[in-house]
N, C-alpha and C. Protein backbone atom coordinates (compact mmCIF):
# COMPACT_ATOMS: atom_id res chain seq x y z
N MET A 1 37.82 133.08 78.97
CA MET A 1 38.98 133.56 78.27
C MET A 1 39.73 134.51 79.19
N GLU A 2 41.03 134.29 79.33
CA GLU A 2 41.85 135.09 80.23
C GLU A 2 42.67 136.09 79.42
N LEU A 3 42.54 137.36 79.74
CA LEU A 3 43.30 138.39 79.06
C LEU A 3 44.58 138.67 79.84
N GLN A 4 45.67 138.81 79.12
CA GLN A 4 46.93 139.12 79.76
C GLN A 4 47.47 140.41 79.19
N GLY A 5 48.00 141.26 80.06
CA GLY A 5 48.59 142.51 79.63
C GLY A 5 50.07 142.31 79.35
N ILE A 6 50.74 143.40 79.14
CA ILE A 6 52.18 143.36 78.86
C ILE A 6 52.89 143.94 80.09
N SER A 7 53.98 143.33 80.46
CA SER A 7 54.72 143.80 81.62
C SER A 7 55.50 145.06 81.27
N LYS A 8 55.90 145.80 82.29
CA LYS A 8 56.68 147.02 82.06
C LYS A 8 57.99 146.71 81.37
N LEU A 9 58.61 145.60 81.75
CA LEU A 9 59.89 145.22 81.14
C LEU A 9 59.72 144.90 79.66
N ASP A 10 58.64 144.16 79.33
CA ASP A 10 58.37 143.86 77.91
C ASP A 10 58.08 145.12 77.12
N LEU A 11 57.33 146.04 77.71
CA LEU A 11 57.03 147.30 77.04
C LEU A 11 58.30 148.10 76.80
N LYS A 12 59.18 148.13 77.79
CA LYS A 12 60.44 148.85 77.64
C LYS A 12 61.31 148.24 76.54
N LYS A 13 61.37 146.91 76.50
CA LYS A 13 62.13 146.24 75.44
C LYS A 13 61.55 146.56 74.07
N ARG A 14 60.24 146.53 73.97
CA ARG A 14 59.57 146.83 72.70
C ARG A 14 59.87 148.27 72.28
N ASN A 15 59.79 149.20 73.23
CA ASN A 15 60.07 150.60 72.91
C ASN A 15 61.52 150.79 72.49
N ARG A 16 62.45 150.08 73.14
CA ARG A 16 63.87 150.16 72.75
C ARG A 16 64.06 149.71 71.31
N MET A 17 63.42 148.62 70.95
CA MET A 17 63.55 148.11 69.58
C MET A 17 62.92 149.08 68.58
N GLN A 18 61.78 149.67 68.93
CA GLN A 18 61.14 150.62 68.04
C GLN A 18 61.98 151.89 67.88
N ILE A 19 62.61 152.33 68.96
CA ILE A 19 63.49 153.50 68.88
C ILE A 19 64.66 153.21 67.95
N LEU A 20 65.26 152.04 68.08
CA LEU A 20 66.36 151.67 67.19
C LEU A 20 65.89 151.63 65.74
N ARG A 21 64.70 151.11 65.51
CA ARG A 21 64.16 151.03 64.15
C ARG A 21 63.94 152.43 63.57
N VAL A 22 63.38 153.34 64.37
CA VAL A 22 63.14 154.70 63.91
C VAL A 22 64.46 155.39 63.58
N ILE A 23 65.47 155.22 64.43
CA ILE A 23 66.77 155.85 64.19
C ILE A 23 67.42 155.26 62.94
N ARG A 24 67.33 153.95 62.78
CA ARG A 24 67.92 153.32 61.60
C ARG A 24 67.26 153.82 60.32
N GLU A 25 65.95 153.97 60.33
CA GLU A 25 65.22 154.41 59.14
C GLU A 25 65.38 155.90 58.85
N SER A 26 65.53 156.72 59.90
CA SER A 26 65.54 158.17 59.74
C SER A 26 66.92 158.79 59.85
N GLY A 27 67.94 158.00 60.17
CA GLY A 27 69.26 158.57 60.35
C GLY A 27 69.32 159.33 61.66
N PRO A 28 70.28 160.21 61.84
CA PRO A 28 70.31 160.98 63.09
C PRO A 28 68.99 161.73 63.27
N ILE A 29 68.40 161.61 64.45
CA ILE A 29 67.07 162.16 64.71
C ILE A 29 67.01 162.61 66.16
N SER A 30 66.17 163.59 66.43
CA SER A 30 66.04 164.10 67.80
C SER A 30 65.07 163.24 68.60
N ARG A 31 65.16 163.36 69.91
CA ARG A 31 64.26 162.64 70.80
C ARG A 31 62.81 163.06 70.58
N VAL A 32 62.60 164.36 70.36
CA VAL A 32 61.24 164.88 70.13
C VAL A 32 60.64 164.25 68.88
N ASP A 33 61.44 164.14 67.82
CA ASP A 33 60.94 163.55 66.59
C ASP A 33 60.69 162.05 66.74
N ILE A 34 61.50 161.38 67.54
CA ILE A 34 61.27 159.95 67.82
C ILE A 34 59.93 159.79 68.54
N ALA A 35 59.72 160.62 69.56
CA ALA A 35 58.47 160.53 70.34
C ALA A 35 57.25 160.77 69.48
N SER A 36 57.32 161.76 68.59
CA SER A 36 56.15 162.03 67.76
C SER A 36 55.93 160.94 66.72
N SER A 37 56.99 160.33 66.21
CA SER A 37 56.79 159.26 65.23
C SER A 37 56.30 157.97 65.88
N MET A 38 56.67 157.74 67.15
CA MET A 38 56.24 156.53 67.85
C MET A 38 54.94 156.72 68.63
N LYS A 39 54.50 157.97 68.77
CA LYS A 39 53.29 158.29 69.54
C LYS A 39 53.44 157.88 71.01
N ILE A 40 54.63 158.15 71.59
CA ILE A 40 54.83 157.96 73.03
C ILE A 40 55.37 159.27 73.60
N THR A 41 55.42 159.37 74.92
CA THR A 41 55.82 160.63 75.53
C THR A 41 57.30 160.92 75.32
N ARG A 42 57.61 162.22 75.32
CA ARG A 42 59.02 162.63 75.20
C ARG A 42 59.82 162.15 76.40
N ALA A 43 59.18 162.13 77.58
CA ALA A 43 59.87 161.68 78.79
C ALA A 43 60.29 160.21 78.66
N ALA A 44 59.41 159.39 78.12
CA ALA A 44 59.74 157.97 77.94
C ALA A 44 60.90 157.81 76.97
N VAL A 45 60.88 158.55 75.88
CA VAL A 45 61.97 158.48 74.89
C VAL A 45 63.27 158.95 75.52
N THR A 46 63.22 160.03 76.29
CA THR A 46 64.43 160.56 76.93
C THR A 46 65.01 159.54 77.90
N ILE A 47 64.19 158.92 78.70
CA ILE A 47 64.69 157.93 79.66
C ILE A 47 65.34 156.76 78.94
N ILE A 48 64.66 156.23 77.93
CA ILE A 48 65.17 155.06 77.21
C ILE A 48 66.43 155.41 76.43
N THR A 49 66.43 156.54 75.73
CA THR A 49 67.62 156.89 74.94
C THR A 49 68.81 157.22 75.83
N ASN A 50 68.58 157.86 76.98
CA ASN A 50 69.69 158.13 77.90
C ASN A 50 70.31 156.84 78.41
N GLU A 51 69.48 155.85 78.71
CA GLU A 51 70.01 154.54 79.12
C GLU A 51 70.84 153.92 78.00
N MET A 52 70.33 154.03 76.78
CA MET A 52 71.03 153.43 75.64
C MET A 52 72.33 154.18 75.34
N ILE A 53 72.37 155.49 75.59
CA ILE A 53 73.61 156.25 75.43
C ILE A 53 74.62 155.80 76.48
N ASN A 54 74.16 155.62 77.72
CA ASN A 54 75.06 155.16 78.79
C ASN A 54 75.61 153.77 78.52
N GLU A 55 74.82 152.93 77.85
CA GLU A 55 75.26 151.58 77.50
C GLU A 55 76.18 151.58 76.28
N GLY A 56 76.20 152.67 75.51
CA GLY A 56 77.03 152.76 74.32
C GLY A 56 76.33 152.37 73.03
N VAL A 57 75.03 152.08 73.10
CA VAL A 57 74.27 151.70 71.91
C VAL A 57 74.04 152.91 71.02
N LEU A 58 73.72 154.04 71.62
CA LEU A 58 73.46 155.29 70.90
C LEU A 58 74.50 156.33 71.30
N TYR A 59 74.60 157.38 70.49
CA TYR A 59 75.44 158.52 70.86
C TYR A 59 74.81 159.80 70.33
N GLU A 60 75.16 160.90 70.97
CA GLU A 60 74.66 162.20 70.54
C GLU A 60 75.56 162.73 69.44
N VAL A 61 74.95 163.07 68.31
CA VAL A 61 75.68 163.58 67.14
C VAL A 61 75.99 165.05 67.33
N GLY A 62 75.05 165.80 67.84
CA GLY A 62 75.18 167.25 68.01
C GLY A 62 73.85 167.90 67.76
N GLU A 63 73.87 169.22 67.68
CA GLU A 63 72.63 169.96 67.48
C GLU A 63 72.17 169.88 66.03
N ALA A 64 70.87 169.90 65.87
CA ALA A 64 70.28 169.89 64.53
C ALA A 64 70.58 171.22 63.86
N PRO A 65 70.84 171.20 62.55
CA PRO A 65 71.08 172.46 61.85
C PRO A 65 69.83 173.35 61.86
N VAL A 66 70.05 174.63 61.91
CA VAL A 66 68.94 175.59 61.94
C VAL A 66 68.71 176.09 60.54
N SER A 67 67.45 176.06 60.12
CA SER A 67 67.09 176.63 58.82
C SER A 67 66.22 177.85 59.06
N LEU A 68 66.31 178.82 58.19
CA LEU A 68 65.53 180.04 58.35
C LEU A 68 64.04 179.78 58.20
N GLU A 69 63.67 178.73 57.45
CA GLU A 69 62.26 178.39 57.25
C GLU A 69 61.63 177.87 58.54
N ASN A 70 62.38 177.04 59.27
CA ASN A 70 61.85 176.39 60.47
C ASN A 70 62.46 176.97 61.73
N LEU A 71 62.63 178.27 61.79
CA LEU A 71 63.22 178.91 62.94
C LEU A 71 62.29 178.76 64.14
N GLN A 72 62.81 178.15 65.21
CA GLN A 72 61.99 177.86 66.37
C GLN A 72 62.57 178.53 67.60
N LYS A 73 61.71 178.81 68.54
CA LYS A 73 62.16 179.34 69.82
C LYS A 73 62.55 178.17 70.71
N GLY A 74 63.35 178.48 71.70
CA GLY A 74 63.69 177.46 72.68
C GLY A 74 64.95 176.69 72.33
N ARG A 75 65.06 175.57 72.96
CA ARG A 75 66.24 174.73 72.82
C ARG A 75 66.36 174.13 71.44
N ARG A 76 67.58 173.99 70.98
CA ARG A 76 67.80 173.29 69.72
C ARG A 76 67.70 171.79 69.95
N LYS A 77 67.30 171.10 68.90
CA LYS A 77 67.19 169.64 68.99
C LYS A 77 68.58 169.02 68.97
N ILE A 78 68.79 168.03 69.84
CA ILE A 78 70.03 167.26 69.85
C ILE A 78 69.77 165.97 69.09
N LEU A 79 70.56 165.72 68.07
CA LEU A 79 70.38 164.52 67.25
C LEU A 79 71.11 163.34 67.88
N ILE A 80 70.49 162.18 67.81
CA ILE A 80 71.13 160.95 68.28
C ILE A 80 71.17 159.95 67.13
N ASP A 81 72.15 159.05 67.20
CA ASP A 81 72.31 158.05 66.15
C ASP A 81 72.81 156.76 66.79
N ILE A 82 72.77 155.69 66.02
CA ILE A 82 73.23 154.38 66.49
C ILE A 82 74.75 154.32 66.41
N ASN A 83 75.37 153.83 67.47
CA ASN A 83 76.81 153.59 67.48
C ASN A 83 77.05 152.32 66.66
N GLU A 84 77.47 152.49 65.43
CA GLU A 84 77.58 151.35 64.51
C GLU A 84 78.61 150.32 64.96
N ASN A 85 79.54 150.71 65.82
CA ASN A 85 80.56 149.77 66.28
C ASN A 85 80.28 149.25 67.69
N PHE A 86 79.04 149.39 68.16
CA PHE A 86 78.68 148.87 69.48
C PHE A 86 78.76 147.35 69.51
N LYS A 87 78.26 146.73 68.49
CA LYS A 87 78.31 145.26 68.35
C LYS A 87 78.66 144.94 66.91
N PHE A 88 79.09 143.72 66.70
CA PHE A 88 79.45 143.26 65.37
C PHE A 88 78.72 141.97 65.07
N ALA A 89 78.54 141.69 63.79
CA ALA A 89 77.92 140.43 63.36
C ALA A 89 78.98 139.61 62.63
N PHE A 90 79.07 138.35 63.00
CA PHE A 90 80.02 137.44 62.39
C PHE A 90 79.24 136.34 61.70
N GLY A 91 79.62 136.02 60.47
CA GLY A 91 78.94 134.97 59.73
C GLY A 91 79.93 134.05 59.06
N ALA A 92 79.52 132.84 58.85
CA ALA A 92 80.36 131.84 58.19
C ALA A 92 79.51 131.00 57.26
N SER A 93 80.11 130.66 56.13
CA SER A 93 79.49 129.77 55.17
C SER A 93 80.48 128.64 54.91
N ILE A 94 80.05 127.42 55.18
CA ILE A 94 80.95 126.28 55.06
C ILE A 94 80.39 125.31 54.03
N SER A 95 81.21 124.99 53.05
CA SER A 95 80.82 123.99 52.06
C SER A 95 81.95 122.96 51.96
N ASP A 96 81.81 122.01 51.06
CA ASP A 96 82.83 120.97 50.91
C ASP A 96 84.18 121.53 50.46
N GLU A 97 84.15 122.54 49.61
CA GLU A 97 85.40 123.07 49.06
C GLU A 97 85.84 124.40 49.65
N LEU A 98 84.95 125.13 50.33
CA LEU A 98 85.27 126.51 50.68
C LEU A 98 84.68 126.90 52.03
N ILE A 99 85.43 127.69 52.76
CA ILE A 99 84.94 128.28 54.01
C ILE A 99 85.07 129.79 53.85
N CYS A 100 83.95 130.49 54.00
CA CYS A 100 83.94 131.95 53.91
C CYS A 100 83.46 132.51 55.24
N VAL A 101 84.15 133.54 55.73
CA VAL A 101 83.74 134.20 56.97
C VAL A 101 83.65 135.70 56.71
N GLY A 102 82.83 136.36 57.49
CA GLY A 102 82.68 137.80 57.34
C GLY A 102 82.33 138.44 58.67
N LEU A 103 82.72 139.71 58.80
CA LEU A 103 82.45 140.49 60.00
C LEU A 103 81.92 141.85 59.57
N THR A 104 80.77 142.25 60.12
CA THR A 104 80.20 143.57 59.80
C THR A 104 79.82 144.29 61.09
N ASN A 105 79.69 145.62 61.00
CA ASN A 105 79.19 146.38 62.13
C ASN A 105 77.66 146.45 62.03
N LEU A 106 77.05 147.23 62.90
CA LEU A 106 75.58 147.28 62.95
C LEU A 106 74.95 147.91 61.71
N ASN A 107 75.72 148.69 60.96
CA ASN A 107 75.19 149.27 59.71
C ASN A 107 75.48 148.39 58.51
N GLY A 108 76.05 147.22 58.70
CA GLY A 108 76.33 146.31 57.60
C GLY A 108 77.63 146.59 56.88
N LYS A 109 78.44 147.50 57.41
CA LYS A 109 79.73 147.80 56.79
C LYS A 109 80.69 146.65 57.05
N ILE A 110 81.30 146.14 56.00
CA ILE A 110 82.21 145.00 56.12
C ILE A 110 83.49 145.45 56.80
N MET A 111 83.84 144.73 57.81
CA MET A 111 85.06 145.06 58.56
C MET A 111 86.20 144.24 57.98
């Protein structure tokens, strides 16, 4: 029986998809919180998210709000979110009597 590992490129693609999934489920979220929810290093998340920001897939929302309960020392968390207008989805339904088409952004908002 031959065991095969995963290539670095496949791992990076998988991590990109998981990061998108975490952001979609959690809304704007910091890189530190992504890393802790995915159980991967902060450095890996930073590298991947910075690439995705440069590509236009993600964008930085701004600093996380500070609450008196969770007052922390150090740098404030920078929240990132999905650029909903990075790509669009186009669909068509064709029947004998009717043709329907639709266009949505990445969040499912009808354009």
